[in-house]
Amino acid sequence: MAESPDDAGWVVGEFTRSLTGLADATVEAYRRDVGAFVTWAERAGLAGPEGVDRLLLRRYLAYLATRRYARRSIARKAAALRRYFAWLRHRQLINADPSARLSAPSGEARLPRVLSPSEAASLLGGPPEAAQQADAVRLRDDAVLELLYGSGLRVGELCGLGPDGLDLDRSTVTVWGKGSKQRRVPMYELTVAALQAWMQRGRSHLAGPETPDDAVFVNRRGRRLGPRDVRRILDRRASAPTYPHALRHSFATHLLDGGADLRVVQELLGHSSLQTTQIYTHVSKERLIGVYGQTHPRA
């Protein structure tokens, strides 16, 4: 049986357990990125992190480039390695940090996919053949999509939502975001109505012995709804391939298109930095240019 990274002295498990205060998905990304490097380094004959130097790390990044990884992905993996080796040095498990000043290609400035208002309306309206369907799955799907688009939640925030996070009387939802930061977000009337229908008429039909009491959304097996389940909902309902985070992108962009203040959108999204939110201003500019090109007679 092959040794795990911890058994071999890489202590990747201990490193990931030290990442308190980060979202589970972020911790998993660090574990996966560092683990991939460990696998590659062991194939090169290394038994632990003490044998890693800066040249080896540069060779690894070059290897990723030859494997046609996107520049953005390589930059993320380099950031994970920098954090990992800085932690090892802090714990005095290595004598020097080989990742110090390790450079990586900067991530490509990709604009997020944004649904048009008509696409969003079609998605929330559901497929035509299910228009009259009122079963539990339809009620759940309606509530999930209304909440993702109407309040801009991350899919992890939605899946982790408990009944105590819903205040339907005040039309607000309270979630725990990245870095264990709590925020309260307003809901519009259609979102509240969809959640009321799901909680009152749908959830009991899918809930079972294994259903957690603190789960608002559950799947067909009665377990807490997961990100893959949400992706399947979109696969059923979207007229074109899309993904859950696109609804969050659309939420932010449509608010800015409607004249919302950038700092208000920052608060609603739960971004710690305004710079993170500013990408949506670029999206709005791209949309403006597109509309201009399609409609101006001299364009």
Protein backbone atom coordinates (compact mmCIF):
# COMPACT_ATOMS: atom_id res chain seq x y z
CA MET A 1 0.00 0.00 0.00
CA ALA A 2 1.42 3.38 -1.00
CA GLU A 3 2.36 5.82 1.72
CA SER A 4 0.25 8.91 2.16
CA PRO A 5 1.98 12.32 2.04
CA ASP A 6 1.80 12.48 5.86
CA ASP A 7 3.39 9.02 6.28
CA ALA A 8 6.22 9.98 3.95
CA GLY A 9 7.00 13.13 5.93
CA TRP A 10 5.28 15.72 3.74
CA VAL A 11 2.66 16.44 6.47
CA VAL A 12 0.14 17.71 3.93
CA GLY A 13 -2.74 16.66 6.15
CA GLU A 14 -1.35 18.61 9.09
CA PHE A 15 -0.84 21.61 6.83
CA THR A 16 -4.43 21.58 5.58
CA ARG A 17 -5.73 21.21 9.14
CA SER A 18 -3.85 24.39 10.00
CA LEU A 19 -5.86 26.37 7.45
CA THR A 20 -8.54 27.45 9.87
CA GLY A 21 -10.88 30.24 8.94
CA LEU A 22 -10.95 29.29 5.26
CA ALA A 23 -13.88 27.86 3.34
CA ASP A 24 -13.89 24.06 2.97
CA ALA A 25 -13.55 24.38 -0.80
CA THR A 26 -10.45 26.57 -0.39
CA VAL A 27 -8.84 24.11 2.02
CA GLU A 28 -9.58 21.26 -0.38
CA ALA A 29 -7.98 23.23 -3.23
CA TYR A 30 -4.79 23.71 -1.17
CA ARG A 31 -4.73 20.00 -0.28
CA ARG A 32 -5.21 18.99 -3.91
CA ASP A 33 -2.58 21.38 -5.29
CA VAL A 34 0.07 20.52 -2.73
CA GLY A 35 -0.73 16.82 -3.02
CA ALA A 36 -0.23 16.94 -6.79
CA PHE A 37 3.21 18.47 -6.29
CA VAL A 38 4.11 15.82 -3.69
CA THR A 39 3.18 13.04 -6.12
CA TRP A 40 5.36 14.63 -8.82
CA ALA A 41 8.28 15.18 -6.40
CA GLU A 42 8.17 11.59 -5.15
CA ARG A 43 8.40 10.35 -8.73
CA ALA A 44 11.58 12.44 -8.95
CA GLY A 45 12.98 10.54 -5.97
CA LEU A 46 12.25 12.92 -3.07
CA ALA A 47 11.01 11.52 0.22
CA GLY A 48 10.11 14.78 1.94
CA PRO A 49 10.05 18.58 1.69
CA GLU A 50 13.59 19.05 3.00
CA GLY A 51 14.94 18.01 -0.40
CA VAL A 52 12.98 20.62 -2.35
CA ASP A 53 14.85 23.66 -3.67
CA ARG A 54 13.78 26.63 -5.77
CA LEU A 55 15.05 25.05 -8.99
CA LEU A 56 12.86 22.00 -8.43
CA LEU A 57 9.82 24.22 -7.91
CA ARG A 58 10.58 26.10 -11.12
CA ARG A 59 10.89 22.76 -12.95
CA TYR A 60 7.48 21.77 -11.57
CA LEU A 61 5.84 24.96 -12.84
CA ALA A 62 7.48 24.41 -16.23
CA TYR A 63 6.17 20.84 -16.21
CA LEU A 64 2.64 22.15 -15.60
CA ALA A 65 3.03 24.50 -18.56
CA THR A 66 4.05 21.60 -20.82
CA ARG A 67 0.92 19.77 -19.66
CA ARG A 68 -1.08 22.73 -21.03
CA TYR A 69 -2.39 23.95 -17.68
CA ALA A 70 -3.86 27.43 -17.95
CA ARG A 71 -1.70 30.26 -16.65
CA ARG A 72 -4.37 31.00 -14.08
CA SER A 73 -4.22 27.42 -12.74
CA ILE A 74 -0.40 27.47 -12.56
CA ALA A 75 -0.50 30.75 -10.66
CA ARG A 76 -2.96 29.24 -8.16
CA LYS A 77 -0.81 26.15 -7.67
CA ALA A 78 2.28 28.32 -7.12
CA ALA A 79 0.38 30.29 -4.47
CA ALA A 80 -0.55 27.03 -2.71
CA LEU A 81 3.08 25.91 -2.70
CA ARG A 82 4.23 29.26 -1.31
CA ARG A 83 1.80 28.96 1.56
CA TYR A 84 2.74 25.33 2.19
CA PHE A 85 6.50 25.94 2.33
CA ALA A 86 6.08 29.11 4.39
CA TRP A 87 4.13 27.02 6.90
CA LEU A 88 6.84 24.34 6.92
CA ARG A 89 9.49 27.00 7.58
CA HIS A 90 7.40 28.57 10.34
CA ARG A 91 7.08 25.15 11.96
CA GLN A 92 10.86 24.71 11.55
CA LEU A 93 10.30 21.53 9.57
CA ILE A 94 12.65 22.85 6.86
CA ASN A 95 15.70 25.10 7.19
CA ALA A 96 14.83 27.51 4.38
CA ASP A 97 11.78 28.34 2.30
CA PRO A 98 12.48 27.35 -1.33
CA SER A 99 9.30 29.04 -2.54
CA ALA A 100 10.35 32.53 -1.45
CA ARG A 101 10.13 34.88 -4.44
CA LEU A 102 8.90 32.01 -6.59
CA SER A 103 7.40 33.61 -9.68
CA ALA A 104 4.58 32.18 -11.72
CA PRO A 105 2.67 33.42 -14.75
CA SER A 106 -0.07 35.80 -13.77
CA GLY A 107 -3.60 34.54 -14.16
CA GLU A 108 -5.44 35.43 -17.32
CA ALA A 109 -8.06 38.12 -16.89
CA ARG A 110 -11.08 36.08 -17.83
CA LEU A 111 -14.43 37.80 -17.62
CA PRO A 112 -17.08 35.70 -15.89
CA ARG A 113 -19.98 34.22 -17.82
CA VAL A 114 -23.09 36.35 -17.34
CA LEU A 115 -26.63 35.41 -18.29
CA SER A 116 -28.68 37.97 -20.16
CA PRO A 117 -31.89 39.08 -18.40
CA SER A 118 -33.91 37.01 -20.85
CA GLU A 119 -31.74 33.93 -20.18
CA ALA A 120 -32.18 34.42 -16.44
CA ALA A 121 -35.94 34.76 -16.83
CA SER A 122 -36.08 31.59 -18.94
CA LEU A 123 -33.99 29.67 -16.42
CA LEU A 124 -36.12 30.75 -13.47
CA GLY A 125 -39.30 30.03 -15.39
CA GLY A 126 -38.29 26.40 -15.81
CA PRO A 127 -38.60 24.12 -18.86
CA PRO A 128 -41.94 24.46 -20.70
CA GLU A 129 -42.90 20.82 -20.20
CA ALA A 130 -42.65 21.27 -16.42
CA ALA A 131 -44.59 24.52 -16.24
CA GLN A 132 -47.58 22.91 -14.53
CA GLN A 133 -45.53 20.51 -12.41
CA ALA A 134 -45.75 21.21 -8.69
CA ASP A 135 -43.88 18.28 -7.17
CA ALA A 136 -41.26 18.58 -4.45
CA VAL A 137 -38.29 18.52 -6.82
CA ARG A 138 -39.71 21.36 -8.91
CA LEU A 139 -40.41 23.43 -5.78
CA ARG A 140 -36.85 22.83 -4.56
CA ASP A 141 -35.30 23.68 -7.91
CA ASP A 142 -37.31 26.90 -8.11
CA ALA A 143 -36.17 27.98 -4.65
CA VAL A 144 -32.52 27.09 -5.32
CA LEU A 145 -32.33 29.06 -8.57
CA GLU A 146 -34.27 32.05 -7.23
CA LEU A 147 -31.92 32.27 -4.26
CA LEU A 148 -28.72 31.90 -6.29
CA TYR A 149 -29.74 34.59 -8.75
CA GLY A 150 -31.86 36.78 -6.48
CA SER A 151 -29.36 37.07 -3.61
CA GLY A 152 -26.04 36.21 -5.27
CA LEU A 153 -25.12 33.36 -2.94
CA ARG A 154 -22.15 31.10 -3.57
CA VAL A 155 -23.23 27.52 -4.16
CA GLY A 156 -21.43 26.43 -0.97
CA GLU A 157 -23.33 29.03 1.02
CA LEU A 158 -26.62 27.81 -0.38
CA CYS A 159 -25.84 24.15 0.29
CA GLY A 160 -24.78 24.93 3.87
CA LEU A 161 -27.84 27.06 4.60
CA GLY A 162 -29.89 26.16 7.67
CA PRO A 163 -33.48 27.14 8.56
CA ASP A 164 -32.16 29.60 11.15
CA GLY A 165 -30.53 31.52 8.29
CA LEU A 166 -33.89 32.29 6.69
CA ASP A 167 -36.00 35.22 7.84
CA LEU A 168 -38.89 35.10 5.41
CA ASP A 169 -40.87 37.73 7.32
CA ARG A 170 -38.07 40.27 6.83
CA SER A 171 -37.08 38.91 3.41
CA THR A 172 -33.44 38.28 4.36
CA VAL A 173 -31.05 35.33 4.31
CA THR A 174 -27.97 35.05 6.53
CA VAL A 175 -25.05 32.95 5.30
CA TRP A 176 -21.50 32.10 6.31
CA GLY A 177 -19.13 32.99 3.49
CA LYS A 178 -15.41 32.68 2.86
CA GLY A 179 -13.22 33.09 5.92
CA SER A 180 -16.21 32.20 8.14
CA LYS A 181 -17.61 35.69 7.58
CA GLN A 182 -21.32 36.11 8.17
CA ARG A 183 -23.45 38.38 6.04
CA ARG A 184 -27.15 39.12 5.66
CA VAL A 185 -28.55 39.53 2.17
CA PRO A 186 -32.02 40.74 1.12
CA MET A 187 -34.38 38.57 -0.91
CA TYR A 188 -36.95 39.79 -3.40
CA GLU A 189 -40.60 38.72 -3.25
CA LEU A 190 -40.37 35.89 -5.79
CA THR A 191 -37.45 34.35 -3.86
CA VAL A 192 -39.40 34.51 -0.60
CA ALA A 193 -42.44 32.95 -2.25
CA ALA A 194 -40.36 30.13 -3.76
CA LEU A 195 -38.72 29.40 -0.40
CA GLN A 196 -42.08 29.41 1.39
CA ALA A 197 -43.49 26.94 -1.14
CA TRP A 198 -40.48 24.66 -0.78
CA MET A 199 -40.35 24.75 3.03
CA GLN A 200 -44.11 24.36 3.48
CA ARG A 201 -45.06 22.00 0.67
CA GLY A 202 -41.92 20.42 -0.76
CA ARG A 203 -39.20 19.67 1.77
CA SER A 204 -41.17 17.11 3.80
CA HIS A 205 -41.64 14.97 0.69
CA LEU A 206 -37.86 14.62 0.12
CA ALA A 207 -36.72 14.58 3.75
CA GLY A 208 -35.98 11.20 5.32
CA PRO A 209 -34.23 9.55 8.27
CA GLU A 210 -30.82 10.80 7.10
CA THR A 211 -31.93 14.38 6.52
CA PRO A 212 -30.04 16.86 8.74
CA ASP A 213 -32.31 19.19 10.67
CA ASP A 214 -30.07 22.12 9.77
CA ALA A 215 -30.36 21.62 5.99
CA VAL A 216 -32.77 23.84 4.08
CA PHE A 217 -32.19 22.01 0.78
CA VAL A 218 -32.04 18.24 0.36
CA ASN A 219 -31.62 15.92 -2.60
CA ARG A 220 -33.78 13.02 -3.73
CA ARG A 221 -32.02 10.73 -1.21
CA GLY A 222 -32.98 12.98 1.66
CA ARG A 223 -29.43 14.18 2.22
CA ARG A 224 -28.11 17.73 2.25
CA LEU A 225 -28.03 19.19 -1.24
CA GLY A 226 -24.47 19.37 -2.58
CA PRO A 227 -22.78 21.44 -5.31
CA ARG A 228 -23.04 18.56 -7.78
CA ASP A 229 -26.78 18.37 -7.14
CA VAL A 230 -27.07 22.09 -7.90
CA ARG A 231 -25.12 21.60 -11.13
CA ARG A 232 -27.60 18.88 -12.14
CA ILE A 233 -30.48 21.28 -11.50
CA LEU A 234 -28.90 23.75 -13.92
CA ASP A 235 -28.30 20.99 -16.46
CA ARG A 236 -32.03 20.25 -16.41
CA ARG A 237 -33.22 23.83 -16.48
CA ALA A 238 -30.73 25.87 -18.52
CA SER A 239 -31.25 26.24 -22.25
CA ALA A 240 -27.46 26.52 -22.72
CA PRO A 241 -24.62 25.01 -20.64
CA THR A 242 -23.95 27.09 -17.55
CA TYR A 243 -22.79 26.64 -13.96
CA PRO A 244 -23.98 27.76 -10.49
CA HIS A 245 -21.47 30.58 -10.08
CA ALA A 246 -22.73 32.18 -13.29
CA LEU A 247 -25.90 33.11 -11.40
CA ARG A 248 -23.80 34.98 -8.83
CA HIS A 249 -21.94 36.75 -11.64
CA SER A 250 -25.26 37.63 -13.26
CA PHE A 251 -26.66 38.92 -9.95
CA ALA A 252 -23.75 41.36 -9.55
CA THR A 253 -23.61 42.47 -13.18
CA HIS A 254 -27.35 43.07 -13.47
CA LEU A 255 -27.28 45.17 -10.28
CA LEU A 256 -24.49 47.34 -11.70
CA ASP A 257 -26.27 47.58 -15.05
CA GLY A 258 -29.28 48.85 -13.12
CA GLY A 259 -27.25 51.59 -11.42
CA ALA A 260 -26.31 49.97 -8.09
CA ASP A 261 -23.31 51.40 -6.23
CA LEU A 262 -20.17 49.24 -6.46
CA ARG A 263 -19.69 49.22 -2.69
CA VAL A 264 -23.24 48.04 -2.15
CA VAL A 265 -22.61 45.15 -4.55
CA GLN A 266 -19.37 44.41 -2.65
CA GLU A 267 -21.33 44.09 0.60
CA LEU A 268 -24.00 41.92 -0.98
CA LEU A 269 -21.39 39.56 -2.45
CA GLY A 270 -19.35 39.43 0.76
CA HIS A 271 -16.09 40.50 -0.92
CA SER A 272 -13.43 41.67 1.54
CA SER A 273 -11.78 43.78 -1.17
CA LEU A 274 -13.43 46.22 -3.54
CA GLN A 275 -10.88 45.19 -6.17
CA THR A 276 -12.50 41.75 -6.35
CA THR A 277 -15.87 43.33 -7.08
CA GLN A 278 -14.49 45.64 -9.77
CA ILE A 279 -14.29 42.80 -12.31
CA TYR A 280 -18.04 43.21 -12.71
CA THR A 281 -17.58 46.80 -13.86
CA HIS A 282 -15.45 45.39 -16.70
CA VAL A 283 -18.24 42.93 -17.51
CA SER A 284 -20.73 45.78 -17.68
CA LYS A 285 -18.41 47.73 -19.99
CA GLU A 286 -18.06 44.69 -22.25
CA ARG A 287 -21.85 44.36 -22.37
CA LEU A 288 -22.17 48.08 -23.14
CA ILE A 289 -19.70 47.79 -26.01
CA GLY A 290 -21.53 44.74 -27.31
CA VAL A 291 -24.90 46.49 -27.27
CA TYR A 292 -23.35 49.53 -28.97
CA GLY A 293 -21.86 47.36 -31.72
CA GLN A 294 -25.14 45.60 -32.34
CA THR A 295 -27.45 48.61 -32.29
CA HIS A 296 -25.64 51.78 -33.44
CA PRO A 297 -26.19 52.37 -37.16
CA ARG A 298 -22.60 53.51 -37.66
CA ALA A 299 -20.95 50.80 -35.56
